[in-house]
């Protein structure tokens, strides 16, 4: 098993084993019960571990809402971390600024916007009534951009408000921001993808992308989306490439922003199973899956060592490295500085 896959499996394991237990006497029992291991015909030599709802304790809850939480983003730029940020468990705490989106569904399954929020200093504030998604680049800026029903907004950290950005007025359901450029990708409500540049003044449709439902960028500026058939694709200068090796007819799927230690790939949840997808068009099944009643409604994995998950209108915070031996390969990978990963990403993009 390669390092990327090993590390990614560990990150998912962190969801199960890092949740604080009520007391030490129950910790071992609860951690063991939170994973159900069984042999999988599809995973070859690897056992499958199923994450259950037993991992959702009260103590890691950092927010309780009134509506379903459908998106979480933790900016990895200078809004939260300096250039030499290392992903150890002492470098990030509950003063970290994160953004999240709430929504409900009507009887016909249509989305009802319930607001885009910032969680800052432990307090939640609604920034936009009709915000749908957020994006931040992996650089030294403090920029965070929001997609909304009436266009693009930008976060003002001094005033702790959202201000209109550029001239775009489309109803936008998804947004992604490239690293070290001014490029923003927006996904409109009619499922068209656009590249926005020149401080939000120029918008160009990407005609090769048809029927996209969700978009994300990895840290090497590789763009991924899935279509109405719930199949993921990768977009590059040569056009659109389908990711192969995944189930053909899933009921539900989700693209997940990867931890920053994974600079060249993304996570993809197909039904209840987690996969790694890569910009060469391939995929790997991890050995983790979720019980249907335990799958988070949103994931915030960006910082690598501190994870945020939404479940039943709450946001949970887990310290992944709290159970990892000091000096291990996984720890050294997880705690690489942000600048070293940016240098690696830059080399990859120009090679």
C-alpha atoms as a PDB file:
ATOM      1  CA  UNK A   1       0.000   0.000   0.000  1.00  0.00           C
ATOM      2  CA  UNK A   2       1.550   3.368  -1.002  1.00  0.00           C
ATOM      3  CA  UNK A   3       2.135   6.223   1.443  1.00  0.00           C
ATOM      4  CA  UNK A   4      -0.712   8.339   0.108  1.00  0.00           C
ATOM      5  CA  UNK A   5      -3.213   5.548   0.578  1.00  0.00           C
ATOM      6  CA  UNK A   6      -1.818   4.593   3.992  1.00  0.00           C
ATOM      7  CA  UNK A   7      -1.982   8.181   5.154  1.00  0.00           C
ATOM      8  CA  UNK A   8      -5.483   8.703   3.815  1.00  0.00           C
ATOM      9  CA  UNK A   9      -6.739   5.605   5.562  1.00  0.00           C
ATOM     10  CA  UNK A  10      -5.243   6.891   8.776  1.00  0.00           C
ATOM     11  CA  UNK A  11      -7.069  10.194   8.334  1.00  0.00           C
ATOM     12  CA  UNK A  12     -10.385   8.414   8.090  1.00  0.00           C
ATOM     13  CA  UNK A  13      -9.442   6.258  11.039  1.00  0.00           C
ATOM     14  CA  UNK A  14      -8.957   9.463  12.990  1.00  0.00           C
ATOM     15  CA  UNK A  15     -12.685  10.056  12.797  1.00  0.00           C
ATOM     16  CA  UNK A  16     -13.267   6.829  14.664  1.00  0.00           C
ATOM     17  CA  UNK A  17     -10.485   6.767  17.216  1.00  0.00           C
ATOM     18  CA  UNK A  18      -9.849  10.427  17.999  1.00  0.00           C
ATOM     19  CA  UNK A  19     -13.253  11.345  19.367  1.00  0.00           C
ATOM     20  CA  UNK A  20     -12.784  12.142  23.057  1.00  0.00           C
ATOM     21  CA  UNK A  21     -14.335   9.452  25.207  1.00  0.00           C
ATOM     22  CA  UNK A  22     -16.293  10.326  28.371  1.00  0.00           C
ATOM     23  CA  UNK A  23     -13.629   8.717  30.552  1.00  0.00           C
ATOM     24  CA  UNK A  24     -10.643   6.398  30.246  1.00  0.00           C
ATOM     25  CA  UNK A  25     -12.542   3.342  31.394  1.00  0.00           C
ATOM     26  CA  UNK A  26     -14.912   3.681  28.442  1.00  0.00           C
ATOM     27  CA  UNK A  27     -12.383   4.920  25.889  1.00  0.00           C
ATOM     28  CA  UNK A  28     -11.051   1.559  24.747  1.00  0.00           C
ATOM     29  CA  UNK A  29     -14.521   0.019  24.561  1.00  0.00           C
ATOM     30  CA  UNK A  30     -16.041   2.915  22.594  1.00  0.00           C
ATOM     31  CA  UNK A  31     -13.129   3.159  20.153  1.00  0.00           C
ATOM     32  CA  UNK A  32     -13.319  -0.553  19.491  1.00  0.00           C
ATOM     33  CA  UNK A  33     -17.072  -0.467  19.008  1.00  0.00           C
ATOM     34  CA  UNK A  34     -16.846   2.498  16.657  1.00  0.00           C
ATOM     35  CA  UNK A  35     -15.188   0.296  14.043  1.00  0.00           C
ATOM     36  CA  UNK A  36     -16.638  -2.935  12.756  1.00  0.00           C
ATOM     37  CA  UNK A  37     -13.995  -4.860  10.806  1.00  0.00           C
ATOM     38  CA  UNK A  38     -14.979  -7.394   8.208  1.00  0.00           C
ATOM     39  CA  UNK A  39     -13.552  -8.983   5.099  1.00  0.00           C
ATOM     40  CA  UNK A  40     -14.592  -7.279   1.852  1.00  0.00           C
ATOM     41  CA  UNK A  41     -14.733  -9.077  -1.470  1.00  0.00           C
ATOM     42  CA  UNK A  42     -14.003  -5.819  -3.290  1.00  0.00           C
ATOM     43  CA  UNK A  43     -10.958  -4.767  -1.281  1.00  0.00           C
ATOM     44  CA  UNK A  44      -8.764  -7.803  -1.930  1.00  0.00           C
ATOM     45  CA  UNK A  45      -6.233  -8.262   0.852  1.00  0.00           C
ATOM     46  CA  UNK A  46      -7.509  -5.337   2.944  1.00  0.00           C
ATOM     47  CA  UNK A  47     -10.144  -5.653   5.621  1.00  0.00           C
ATOM     48  CA  UNK A  48     -13.017  -3.209   5.547  1.00  0.00           C
ATOM     49  CA  UNK A  49     -13.634  -1.065   8.632  1.00  0.00           C
ATOM     50  CA  UNK A  50     -17.080   0.431   9.073  1.00  0.00           C
ATOM     51  CA  UNK A  51     -17.465   3.696  10.960  1.00  0.00           C
ATOM     52  CA  UNK A  52     -20.602   3.811  13.084  1.00  0.00           C
ATOM     53  CA  UNK A  53     -22.438   6.604  14.891  1.00  0.00           C
ATOM     54  CA  UNK A  54     -20.833   5.592  18.193  1.00  0.00           C
ATOM     55  CA  UNK A  55     -17.995   7.987  17.354  1.00  0.00           C
ATOM     56  CA  UNK A  56     -20.215  11.050  17.903  1.00  0.00           C
ATOM     57  CA  UNK A  57     -19.636  12.084  21.512  1.00  0.00           C
ATOM     58  CA  UNK A  58     -20.813  15.307  23.115  1.00  0.00           C
ATOM     59  CA  UNK A  59     -17.390  16.614  24.131  1.00  0.00           C
ATOM     60  CA  UNK A  60     -15.977  17.348  20.639  1.00  0.00           C
ATOM     61  CA  UNK A  61     -19.036  19.405  19.613  1.00  0.00           C
ATOM     62  CA  UNK A  62     -18.023  22.989  18.732  1.00  0.00           C
ATOM     63  CA  UNK A  63     -21.325  24.135  17.192  1.00  0.00           C
ATOM     64  CA  UNK A  64     -24.991  23.203  17.418  1.00  0.00           C
ATOM     65  CA  UNK A  65     -27.344  24.477  14.724  1.00  0.00           C
ATOM     66  CA  UNK A  66     -31.003  24.398  13.785  1.00  0.00           C
ATOM     67  CA  UNK A  67     -30.503  23.132  10.228  1.00  0.00           C
ATOM     68  CA  UNK A  68     -28.430  20.525   8.399  1.00  0.00           C
ATOM     69  CA  UNK A  69     -24.800  21.521   7.875  1.00  0.00           C
ATOM     70  CA  UNK A  70     -23.854  20.734   4.270  1.00  0.00           C
ATOM     71  CA  UNK A  71     -20.450  22.390   3.758  1.00  0.00           C
ATOM     72  CA  UNK A  72     -17.409  23.108   5.946  1.00  0.00           C
ATOM     73  CA  UNK A  73     -14.205  24.872   4.891  1.00  0.00           C
ATOM     74  CA  UNK A  74     -11.118  25.567   7.025  1.00  0.00           C
ATOM     75  CA  UNK A  75      -8.902  28.124   5.215  1.00  0.00           C
ATOM     76  CA  UNK A  76      -5.238  27.125   5.096  1.00  0.00           C
ATOM     77  CA  UNK A  77      -4.004  30.577   4.133  1.00  0.00           C
ATOM     78  CA  UNK A  78      -2.803  33.384   6.408  1.00  0.00           C
ATOM     79  CA  UNK A  79      -6.276  33.912   7.779  1.00  0.00           C
ATOM     80  CA  UNK A  80      -5.495  30.964  10.068  1.00  0.00           C
ATOM     81  CA  UNK A  81      -1.831  30.013   9.669  1.00  0.00           C
ATOM     82  CA  UNK A  82       1.516  31.588   8.888  1.00  0.00           C
ATOM     83  CA  UNK A  83       3.696  30.277   6.076  1.00  0.00           C
ATOM     84  CA  UNK A  84       5.550  27.840   8.307  1.00  0.00           C
ATOM     85  CA  UNK A  85       2.418  26.316   9.813  1.00  0.00           C
ATOM     86  CA  UNK A  86       3.044  22.710  10.782  1.00  0.00           C
ATOM     87  CA  UNK A  87       0.129  20.408  11.348  1.00  0.00           C
ATOM     88  CA  UNK A  88       0.834  19.467  14.941  1.00  0.00           C
ATOM     89  CA  UNK A  89      -1.882  19.415  17.538  1.00  0.00           C
ATOM     90  CA  UNK A  90      -0.508  22.476  19.338  1.00  0.00           C
ATOM     91  CA  UNK A  91      -0.599  24.768  16.298  1.00  0.00           C
ATOM     92  CA  UNK A  92      -4.362  24.858  15.914  1.00  0.00           C
ATOM     93  CA  UNK A  93      -7.090  25.298  18.468  1.00  0.00           C
ATOM     94  CA  UNK A  94     -10.623  26.477  18.732  1.00  0.00           C
ATOM     95  CA  UNK A  95      -9.578  29.976  17.680  1.00  0.00           C
ATOM     96  CA  UNK A  96      -9.278  28.632  14.139  1.00  0.00           C
ATOM     97  CA  UNK A  97     -11.681  30.377  11.786  1.00  0.00           C
ATOM     98  CA  UNK A  98     -13.919  28.066   9.785  1.00  0.00           C
ATOM     99  CA  UNK A  99     -16.912  28.613   7.531  1.00  0.00           C
ATOM    100  CA  UNK A 100     -19.971  26.432   7.116  1.00  0.00           C
ATOM    101  CA  UNK A 101     -23.254  26.329   5.246  1.00  0.00           C
ATOM    102  CA  UNK A 102     -26.687  25.290   6.515  1.00  0.00           C
ATOM    103  CA  UNK A 103     -29.667  24.227   4.425  1.00  0.00           C
ATOM    104  CA  UNK A 104     -32.918  22.264   4.549  1.00  0.00           C
ATOM    105  CA  UNK A 105     -34.986  20.436   1.937  1.00  0.00           C
ATOM    106  CA  UNK A 106     -38.643  20.876   1.064  1.00  0.00           C
ATOM    107  CA  UNK A 107     -41.047  18.005   0.454  1.00  0.00           C
ATOM    108  CA  UNK A 108     -39.891  17.703  -3.150  1.00  0.00           C
ATOM    109  CA  UNK A 109     -36.231  17.468  -2.194  1.00  0.00           C
ATOM    110  CA  UNK A 110     -35.375  21.015  -3.271  1.00  0.00           C
ATOM    111  CA  UNK A 111     -32.727  22.869  -1.315  1.00  0.00           C
ATOM    112  CA  UNK A 112     -33.716  25.721   0.999  1.00  0.00           C
ATOM    113  CA  UNK A 113     -30.816  28.027   1.874  1.00  0.00           C
ATOM    114  CA  UNK A 114     -30.415  28.665   5.592  1.00  0.00           C
ATOM    115  CA  UNK A 115     -27.230  30.674   5.593  1.00  0.00           C
ATOM    116  CA  UNK A 116     -23.447  30.741   5.342  1.00  0.00           C
ATOM    117  CA  UNK A 117     -21.723  31.236   8.693  1.00  0.00           C
ATOM    118  CA  UNK A 118     -18.299  31.952  10.131  1.00  0.00           C
ATOM    119  CA  UNK A 119     -17.209  30.271  13.362  1.00  0.00           C
ATOM    120  CA  UNK A 120     -14.684  32.598  14.982  1.00  0.00           C
ATOM    121  CA  UNK A 121     -13.482  32.605  18.591  1.00  0.00           C
ATOM    122  CA  UNK A 122     -16.033  29.900  19.306  1.00  0.00           C
ATOM    123  CA  UNK A 123     -18.957  32.068  18.160  1.00  0.00           C
ATOM    124  CA  UNK A 124     -21.023  31.577  15.004  1.00  0.00           C
ATOM    125  CA  UNK A 125     -22.197  34.515  12.898  1.00  0.00           C
ATOM    126  CA  UNK A 126     -24.340  34.380   9.775  1.00  0.00           C
ATOM    127  CA  UNK A 127     -22.616  36.188   6.908  1.00  0.00           C
ATOM    128  CA  UNK A 128     -25.060  35.503   4.067  1.00  0.00           C
ATOM    129  CA  UNK A 129     -28.665  34.350   4.062  1.00  0.00           C
ATOM    130  CA  UNK A 130     -28.255  32.708   0.662  1.00  0.00           C
ATOM    131  CA  UNK A 131     -24.616  31.532   0.775  1.00  0.00           C
ATOM    132  CA  UNK A 132     -23.963  28.035  -0.608  1.00  0.00           C
ATOM    133  CA  UNK A 133     -20.194  27.337  -0.573  1.00  0.00           C
ATOM    134  CA  UNK A 134     -16.801  28.814   0.361  1.00  0.00           C
ATOM    135  CA  UNK A 135     -13.274  28.614  -1.057  1.00  0.00           C
ATOM    136  CA  UNK A 136      -9.812  29.773  -0.021  1.00  0.00           C
ATOM    137  CA  UNK A 137      -6.465  29.382  -1.726  1.00  0.00           C
ATOM    138  CA  UNK A 138      -3.467  27.620  -0.162  1.00  0.00           C
ATOM    139  CA  UNK A 139      -1.218  30.703   0.034  1.00  0.00           C
ATOM    140  CA  UNK A 140      -0.224  33.716   2.115  1.00  0.00           C
ATOM    141  CA  UNK A 141      -3.374  35.720   1.492  1.00  0.00           C
ATOM    142  CA  UNK A 142      -6.313  36.037   3.853  1.00  0.00           C
ATOM    143  CA  UNK A 143      -8.836  35.705   1.041  1.00  0.00           C
ATOM    144  CA  UNK A 144     -11.976  33.611   1.365  1.00  0.00           C
ATOM    145  CA  UNK A 145     -14.662  33.681  -1.331  1.00  0.00           C
ATOM    146  CA  UNK A 146     -18.316  32.687  -1.072  1.00  0.00           C
ATOM    147  CA  UNK A 147     -20.811  31.508  -3.655  1.00  0.00           C
ATOM    148  CA  UNK A 148     -24.341  32.814  -3.225  1.00  0.00           C
ATOM    149  CA  UNK A 149     -27.669  33.068  -4.991  1.00  0.00           C
ATOM    150  CA  UNK A 150     -26.730  36.499  -6.346  1.00  0.00           C
ATOM    151  CA  UNK A 151     -23.034  36.094  -7.180  1.00  0.00           C
ATOM    152  CA  UNK A 152     -19.630  36.021  -5.461  1.00  0.00           C
ATOM    153  CA  UNK A 153     -18.765  37.515  -2.087  1.00  0.00           C
ATOM    154  CA  UNK A 154     -15.443  37.970  -0.278  1.00  0.00           C
ATOM    155  CA  UNK A 155     -14.753  37.765   3.438  1.00  0.00           C
ATOM    156  CA  UNK A 156     -13.696  40.945   5.253  1.00  0.00           C
ATOM    157  CA  UNK A 157     -11.785  39.650   8.316  1.00  0.00           C
ATOM    158  CA  UNK A 158     -11.548  43.050   9.991  1.00  0.00           C
ATOM    159  CA  UNK A 159     -15.279  43.675   9.976  1.00  0.00           C
ATOM    160  CA  UNK A 160     -16.199  39.973  10.040  1.00  0.00           C
ATOM    161  CA  UNK A 161     -18.649  40.436   7.150  1.00  0.00           C
ATOM    162  CA  UNK A 162     -19.111  39.309   3.536  1.00  0.00           C
ATOM    163  CA  UNK A 163     -18.817  41.962   0.783  1.00  0.00           C
ATOM    164  CA  UNK A 164     -19.790  41.672  -2.884  1.00  0.00           C
ATOM    165  CA  UNK A 165     -16.943  40.679  -5.192  1.00  0.00           C
ATOM    166  CA  UNK A 166     -16.807  41.442  -8.912  1.00  0.00           C
ATOM    167  CA  UNK A 167     -19.693  41.744 -11.339  1.00  0.00           C
ATOM    168  CA  UNK A 168     -20.991  38.166 -11.446  1.00  0.00           C
ATOM    169  CA  UNK A 169     -24.701  37.939 -10.599  1.00  0.00           C
ATOM    170  CA  UNK A 170     -25.378  34.249 -11.354  1.00  0.00           C
ATOM    171  CA  UNK A 171     -26.968  31.950  -8.812  1.00  0.00           C
ATOM    172  CA  UNK A 172     -23.885  29.957  -7.749  1.00  0.00           C
ATOM    173  CA  UNK A 173     -23.946  26.600  -5.962  1.00  0.00           C
ATOM    174  CA  UNK A 174     -20.203  25.837  -5.903  1.00  0.00           C
ATOM    175  CA  UNK A 175     -16.898  27.726  -5.829  1.00  0.00           C
ATOM    176  CA  UNK A 176     -13.177  26.856  -5.926  1.00  0.00           C
ATOM    177  CA  UNK A 177     -10.092  29.088  -5.754  1.00  0.00           C
ATOM    178  CA  UNK A 178      -6.753  28.336  -7.410  1.00  0.00           C
ATOM    179  CA  UNK A 179      -3.494  28.704  -5.504  1.00  0.00           C
ATOM    180  CA  UNK A 180      -1.145  31.574  -6.419  1.00  0.00           C
ATOM    181  CA  UNK A 181      -3.431  32.947  -9.170  1.00  0.00           C
ATOM    182  CA  UNK A 182      -6.547  35.102  -9.327  1.00  0.00           C
ATOM    183  CA  UNK A 183      -8.597  32.291 -10.911  1.00  0.00           C
ATOM    184  CA  UNK A 184     -11.914  31.364  -9.305  1.00  0.00           C
ATOM    185  CA  UNK A 185     -14.147  28.585 -10.625  1.00  0.00           C
ATOM    186  CA  UNK A 186     -17.880  28.905 -10.101  1.00  0.00           C
ATOM    187  CA  UNK A 187     -20.615  26.332 -10.635  1.00  0.00           C
ATOM    188  CA  UNK A 188     -23.981  27.903 -11.373  1.00  0.00           C
ATOM    189  CA  UNK A 189     -27.406  26.623 -10.415  1.00  0.00           C
ATOM    190  CA  UNK A 190     -28.019  25.553 -14.026  1.00  0.00           C
ATOM    191  CA  UNK A 191     -24.874  23.343 -13.743  1.00  0.00           C
ATOM    192  CA  UNK A 192     -22.533  25.378 -15.928  1.00  0.00           C
ATOM    193  CA  UNK A 193     -18.895  25.860 -14.946  1.00  0.00           C
ATOM    194  CA  UNK A 194     -17.136  29.212 -15.402  1.00  0.00           C
ATOM    195  CA  UNK A 195     -13.621  30.518 -14.878  1.00  0.00           C
ATOM    196  CA  UNK A 196     -13.661  33.953 -13.253  1.00  0.00           C
ATOM    197  CA  UNK A 197     -10.620  36.267 -13.412  1.00  0.00           C
ATOM    198  CA  UNK A 198      -9.624  39.963 -13.296  1.00  0.00           C
ATOM    199  CA  UNK A 199     -10.942  40.548  -9.785  1.00  0.00           C
ATOM    200  CA  UNK A 200     -14.291  39.022 -10.597  1.00  0.00           C
ATOM    201  CA  UNK A 201     -14.847  41.163 -13.710  1.00  0.00           C
ATOM    202  CA  UNK A 202     -14.326  38.478 -16.385  1.00  0.00           C
ATOM    203  CA  UNK A 203     -16.300  35.231 -16.679  1.00  0.00           C
ATOM    204  CA  UNK A 204     -15.613  32.512 -19.280  1.00  0.00           C
ATOM    205  CA  UNK A 205     -17.729  29.386 -19.666  1.00  0.00           C
ATOM    206  CA  UNK A 206     -15.906  26.053 -19.698  1.00  0.00           C
ATOM    207  CA  UNK A 207     -17.862  24.287 -22.436  1.00  0.00           C
ATOM    208  CA  UNK A 208     -16.142  20.923 -21.971  1.00  0.00           C
ATOM    209  CA  UNK A 209     -17.743  20.521 -18.554  1.00  0.00           C
ATOM    210  CA  UNK A 210     -21.394  19.460 -18.875  1.00  0.00           C
ATOM    211  CA  UNK A 211     -23.899  18.976 -16.071  1.00  0.00           C
ATOM    212  CA  UNK A 212     -21.525  19.370 -13.111  1.00  0.00           C
ATOM    213  CA  UNK A 213     -23.108  18.983  -9.665  1.00  0.00           C
ATOM    214  CA  UNK A 214     -20.154  19.746  -7.384  1.00  0.00           C
ATOM    215  CA  UNK A 215     -16.575  21.026  -7.843  1.00  0.00           C
ATOM    216  CA  UNK A 216     -13.352  21.020  -5.823  1.00  0.00           C
ATOM    217  CA  UNK A 217      -9.669  21.799  -6.397  1.00  0.00           C
ATOM    218  CA  UNK A 218      -6.778  19.901  -4.868  1.00  0.00           C
ATOM    219  CA  UNK A 219      -3.637  21.743  -3.740  1.00  0.00           C
ATOM    220  CA  UNK A 220      -1.957  21.372  -7.151  1.00  0.00           C
ATOM    221  CA  UNK A 221      -4.874  23.230  -8.797  1.00  0.00           C
ATOM    222  CA  UNK A 222      -6.359  20.057 -10.255  1.00  0.00           C
ATOM    223  CA  UNK A 223     -10.113  20.483 -10.742  1.00  0.00           C
ATOM    224  CA  UNK A 224     -12.621  17.669 -10.113  1.00  0.00           C
ATOM    225  CA  UNK A 225     -16.382  17.466 -10.572  1.00  0.00           C
ATOM    226  CA  UNK A 226     -19.120  14.875 -10.785  1.00  0.00           C
ATOM    227  CA  UNK A 227     -22.064  14.890 -13.191  1.00  0.00           C
ATOM    228  CA  UNK A 228     -25.771  14.039 -13.053  1.00  0.00           C
ATOM    229  CA  UNK A 229     -24.879  10.334 -13.212  1.00  0.00           C
ATOM    230  CA  UNK A 230     -22.772  10.767 -10.068  1.00  0.00           C
ATOM    231  CA  UNK A 231     -19.538   9.943 -11.886  1.00  0.00           C
ATOM    232  CA  UNK A 232     -16.383  12.002 -11.136  1.00  0.00           C
ATOM    233  CA  UNK A 233     -14.166  13.684 -13.721  1.00  0.00           C
ATOM    234  CA  UNK A 234     -10.864  15.539 -13.834  1.00  0.00           C
ATOM    235  CA  UNK A 235     -10.383  18.716 -15.875  1.00  0.00           C
ATOM    236  CA  UNK A 236      -7.054  19.776 -17.409  1.00  0.00           C
ATOM    237  CA  UNK A 237      -5.771  21.685 -20.449  1.00  0.00           C
ATOM    238  CA  UNK A 238      -6.534  18.698 -22.675  1.00  0.00           C
ATOM    239  CA  UNK A 239     -10.191  18.607 -21.669  1.00  0.00           C
ATOM    240  CA  UNK A 240     -12.264  16.382 -19.402  1.00  0.00           C
ATOM    241  CA  UNK A 241     -11.140  12.922 -18.277  1.00  0.00           C
ATOM    242  CA  UNK A 242     -13.385  10.438 -16.482  1.00  0.00           C
ATOM    243  CA  UNK A 243     -12.103   8.887 -13.248  1.00  0.00           C
ATOM    244  CA  UNK A 244     -12.214   5.106 -13.662  1.00  0.00           C
ATOM    245  CA  UNK A 245     -12.533   2.219 -11.228  1.00  0.00           C
ATOM    246  CA  UNK A 246     -15.596   3.461  -9.327  1.00  0.00           C
ATOM    247  CA  UNK A 247     -19.119   2.055  -8.860  1.00  0.00           C
ATOM    248  CA  UNK A 248     -21.338   2.664 -11.899  1.00  0.00           C
ATOM    249  CA  UNK A 249     -24.688   3.429 -10.290  1.00  0.00           C
ATOM    250  CA  UNK A 250     -24.251   4.980  -6.845  1.00  0.00           C
ATOM    251  CA  UNK A 251     -27.212   6.433  -4.994  1.00  0.00           C
ATOM    252  CA  UNK A 252     -25.284   9.321  -3.444  1.00  0.00           C
ATOM    253  CA  UNK A 253     -21.788  10.763  -3.872  1.00  0.00           C
ATOM    254  CA  UNK A 254     -19.651  13.548  -2.412  1.00  0.00           C
ATOM    255  CA  UNK A 255     -16.351  15.200  -3.344  1.00  0.00           C
ATOM    256  CA  UNK A 256     -14.212  16.000  -0.291  1.00  0.00           C
ATOM    257  CA  UNK A 257     -11.467  18.607  -0.075  1.00  0.00           C
ATOM    258  CA  UNK A 258      -8.371  16.612   0.887  1.00  0.00           C
ATOM    259  CA  UNK A 259      -6.069  17.228   3.857  1.00  0.00           C
ATOM    260  CA  UNK A 260      -3.214  19.567   2.888  1.00  0.00           C
ATOM    261  CA  UNK A 261      -0.654  16.752   3.136  1.00  0.00           C
ATOM    262  CA  UNK A 262      -2.361  15.207   0.084  1.00  0.00           C
ATOM    263  CA  UNK A 263      -1.466  17.756  -2.572  1.00  0.00           C
ATOM    264  CA  UNK A 264      -2.292  15.715  -5.662  1.00  0.00           C
ATOM    265  CA  UNK A 265      -5.655  13.972  -5.349  1.00  0.00           C
ATOM    266  CA  UNK A 266      -9.016  14.129  -3.605  1.00  0.00           C
ATOM    267  CA  UNK A 267     -11.442  12.030  -1.612  1.00  0.00           C
ATOM    268  CA  UNK A 268     -14.682  10.773  -3.143  1.00  0.00           C
ATOM    269  CA  UNK A 269     -17.497   9.186  -1.160  1.00  0.00           C
ATOM    270  CA  UNK A 270     -19.608   6.844  -3.280  1.00  0.00           C
ATOM    271  CA  UNK A 271     -22.649   5.766  -1.293  1.00  0.00           C
ATOM    272  CA  UNK A 272     -20.944   4.869   1.999  1.00  0.00           C
ATOM    273  CA  UNK A 273     -17.461   3.952   0.741  1.00  0.00           C
ATOM    274  CA  UNK A 274     -14.431   6.275   0.631  1.00  0.00           C
ATOM    275  CA  UNK A 275     -12.191   6.360  -2.464  1.00  0.00           C
ATOM    276  CA  UNK A 276      -9.088   8.275  -3.466  1.00  0.00           C
ATOM    277  CA  UNK A 277      -9.224   9.824  -6.941  1.00  0.00           C
ATOM    278  CA  UNK A 278      -6.228  11.118  -8.878  1.00  0.00           C
ATOM    279  CA  UNK A 279      -5.618  13.567 -11.760  1.00  0.00           C
ATOM    280  CA  UNK A 280      -4.353  10.766 -13.992  1.00  0.00           C
ATOM    281  CA  UNK A 281      -7.923   9.431 -14.080  1.00  0.00           C
ATOM    282  CA  UNK A 282      -7.432   6.512 -11.683  1.00  0.00           C
ATOM    283  CA  UNK A 283      -8.940   5.749  -8.293  1.00  0.00           C
ATOM    284  CA  UNK A 284      -8.334   3.541  -5.264  1.00  0.00           C
ATOM    285  CA  UNK A 285     -10.819   2.163  -2.822  1.00  0.00           C
ATOM    286  CA  UNK A 286      -9.816   2.817   0.755  1.00  0.00           C
ATOM    287  CA  UNK A 287     -10.594   0.250   3.440  1.00  0.00           C
ATOM    288  CA  UNK A 288     -13.069   2.533   5.219  1.00  0.00           C
ATOM    289  CA  UNK A 289     -16.797   2.910   4.823  1.00  0.00           C
ATOM    290  CA  UNK A 290     -19.630   4.447   6.813  1.00  0.00           C
ATOM    291  CA  UNK A 291     -22.809   3.026   8.225  1.00  0.00           C
ATOM    292  CA  UNK A 292     -25.671   4.789   6.454  1.00  0.00           C
ATOM    293  CA  UNK A 293     -26.761   6.422   9.702  1.00  0.00           C
ATOM    294  CA  UNK A 294     -23.209   7.574  10.561  1.00  0.00           C
ATOM    295  CA  UNK A 295     -22.065   9.347   7.392  1.00  0.00           C
ATOM    296  CA  UNK A 296     -21.233  13.026   8.055  1.00  0.00           C
ATOM    297  CA  UNK A 297     -23.218  15.656   6.175  1.00  0.00           C
ATOM    298  CA  UNK A 298     -20.034  17.738   5.716  1.00  0.00           C
ATOM    299  CA  UNK A 299     -16.274  17.271   6.080  1.00  0.00           C
ATOM    300  CA  UNK A 300     -13.517  19.736   7.030  1.00  0.00           C
ATOM    301  CA  UNK A 301     -10.259  17.805   6.655  1.00  0.00           C
ATOM    302  CA  UNK A 302      -7.981  20.549   5.325  1.00  0.00           C
ATOM    303  CA  UNK A 303      -5.670  20.977   8.327  1.00  0.00           C
ATOM    304  CA  UNK A 304      -4.755  17.258   8.314  1.00  0.00           C
ATOM    305  CA  UNK A 305      -4.419  16.907  12.080  1.00  0.00           C
ATOM    306  CA  UNK A 306      -7.612  18.573  13.291  1.00  0.00           C
ATOM    307  CA  UNK A 307     -10.746  17.389  11.523  1.00  0.00           C
ATOM    308  CA  UNK A 308     -14.230  18.860  11.489  1.00  0.00           C
ATOM    309  CA  UNK A 309     -17.318  16.785  10.705  1.00  0.00           C
ATOM    310  CA  UNK A 310     -20.977  17.757  10.604  1.00  0.00           C
ATOM    311  CA  UNK A 311     -23.574  15.283  11.823  1.00  0.00           C
ATOM    312  CA  UNK A 312     -27.197  15.877  12.805  1.00  0.00           C
ATOM    313  CA  UNK A 313     -26.908  19.701  12.828  1.00  0.00           C
ATOM    314  CA  UNK A 314     -23.705  19.732  14.894  1.00  0.00           C
ATOM    315  CA  UNK A 315     -20.031  20.304  14.085  1.00  0.00           C
ATOM    316  CA  UNK A 316     -17.519  17.986  15.757  1.00  0.00           C
ATOM    317  CA  UNK A 317     -13.792  18.683  16.174  1.00  0.00           C
ATOM    318  CA  UNK A 318     -11.339  15.762  16.377  1.00  0.00           C
ATOM    319  CA  UNK A 319      -7.592  15.714  17.017  1.00  0.00           C
ATOM    320  CA  UNK A 320      -6.276  13.014  14.681  1.00  0.00           C
ATOM    321  CA  UNK A 321      -2.640  12.955  15.815  1.00  0.00           C
ATOM    322  CA  UNK A 322      -3.483  12.472  19.483  1.00  0.00           C
ATOM    323  CA  UNK A 323      -3.140   8.698  19.010  1.00  0.00           C
ATOM    324  CA  UNK A 324      -0.097   8.644  16.703  1.00  0.00           C
ATOM    325  CA  UNK A 325       3.361   7.710  18.061  1.00  0.00           C
ATOM    326  CA  UNK A 326       5.854  10.573  17.964  1.00  0.00           C
ATOM    327  CA  UNK A 327       8.311  10.275  15.085  1.00  0.00           C
ATOM    328  CA  UNK A 328       6.158   7.915  13.033  1.00  0.00           C
ATOM    329  CA  UNK A 329       6.012   8.165   9.238  1.00  0.00           C
ATOM    330  CA  UNK A 330       2.394   9.263   9.420  1.00  0.00           C
ATOM    331  CA  UNK A 331       3.198  12.025  11.900  1.00  0.00           C
ATOM    332  CA  UNK A 332       6.114  13.345   9.832  1.00  0.00           C
ATOM    333  CA  UNK A 333       3.895  13.388   6.723  1.00  0.00           C
ATOM    334  CA  UNK A 334       1.062  15.112   8.539  1.00  0.00           C
ATOM    335  CA  UNK A 335       3.275  17.796  10.053  1.00  0.00           C
ATOM    336  CA  UNK A 336       5.135  18.917   6.966  1.00  0.00           C
ATOM    337  CA  UNK A 337       5.101  22.702   6.839  1.00  0.00           C
ATOM    338  CA  UNK A 338       2.697  24.489   4.549  1.00  0.00           C
ATOM    339  CA  UNK A 339       5.582  26.129   2.654  1.00  0.00           C
ATOM    340  CA  UNK A 340       7.255  22.783   1.870  1.00  0.00           C
ATOM    341  CA  UNK A 341       3.995  21.454   0.452  1.00  0.00           C
ATOM    342  CA  UNK A 342       3.473  24.605  -1.606  1.00  0.00           C
ATOM    343  CA  UNK A 343       6.954  24.191  -3.065  1.00  0.00           C
ATOM    344  CA  UNK A 344       6.153  20.579  -3.950  1.00  0.00           C
ATOM    345  CA  UNK A 345       2.839  21.619  -5.521  1.00  0.00           C
ATOM    346  CA  UNK A 346       4.548  24.338  -7.546  1.00  0.00           C
ATOM    347  CA  UNK A 347       7.078  21.829  -8.867  1.00  0.00           C
ATOM    348  CA  UNK A 348       4.268  19.450  -9.819  1.00  0.00           C
ATOM    349  CA  UNK A 349       2.294  22.143 -11.655  1.00  0.00           C
ATOM    350  CA  UNK A 350       5.323  23.190 -13.720  1.00  0.00           C
ATOM    351  CA  UNK A 351       6.813  19.758 -14.396  1.00  0.00           C
END
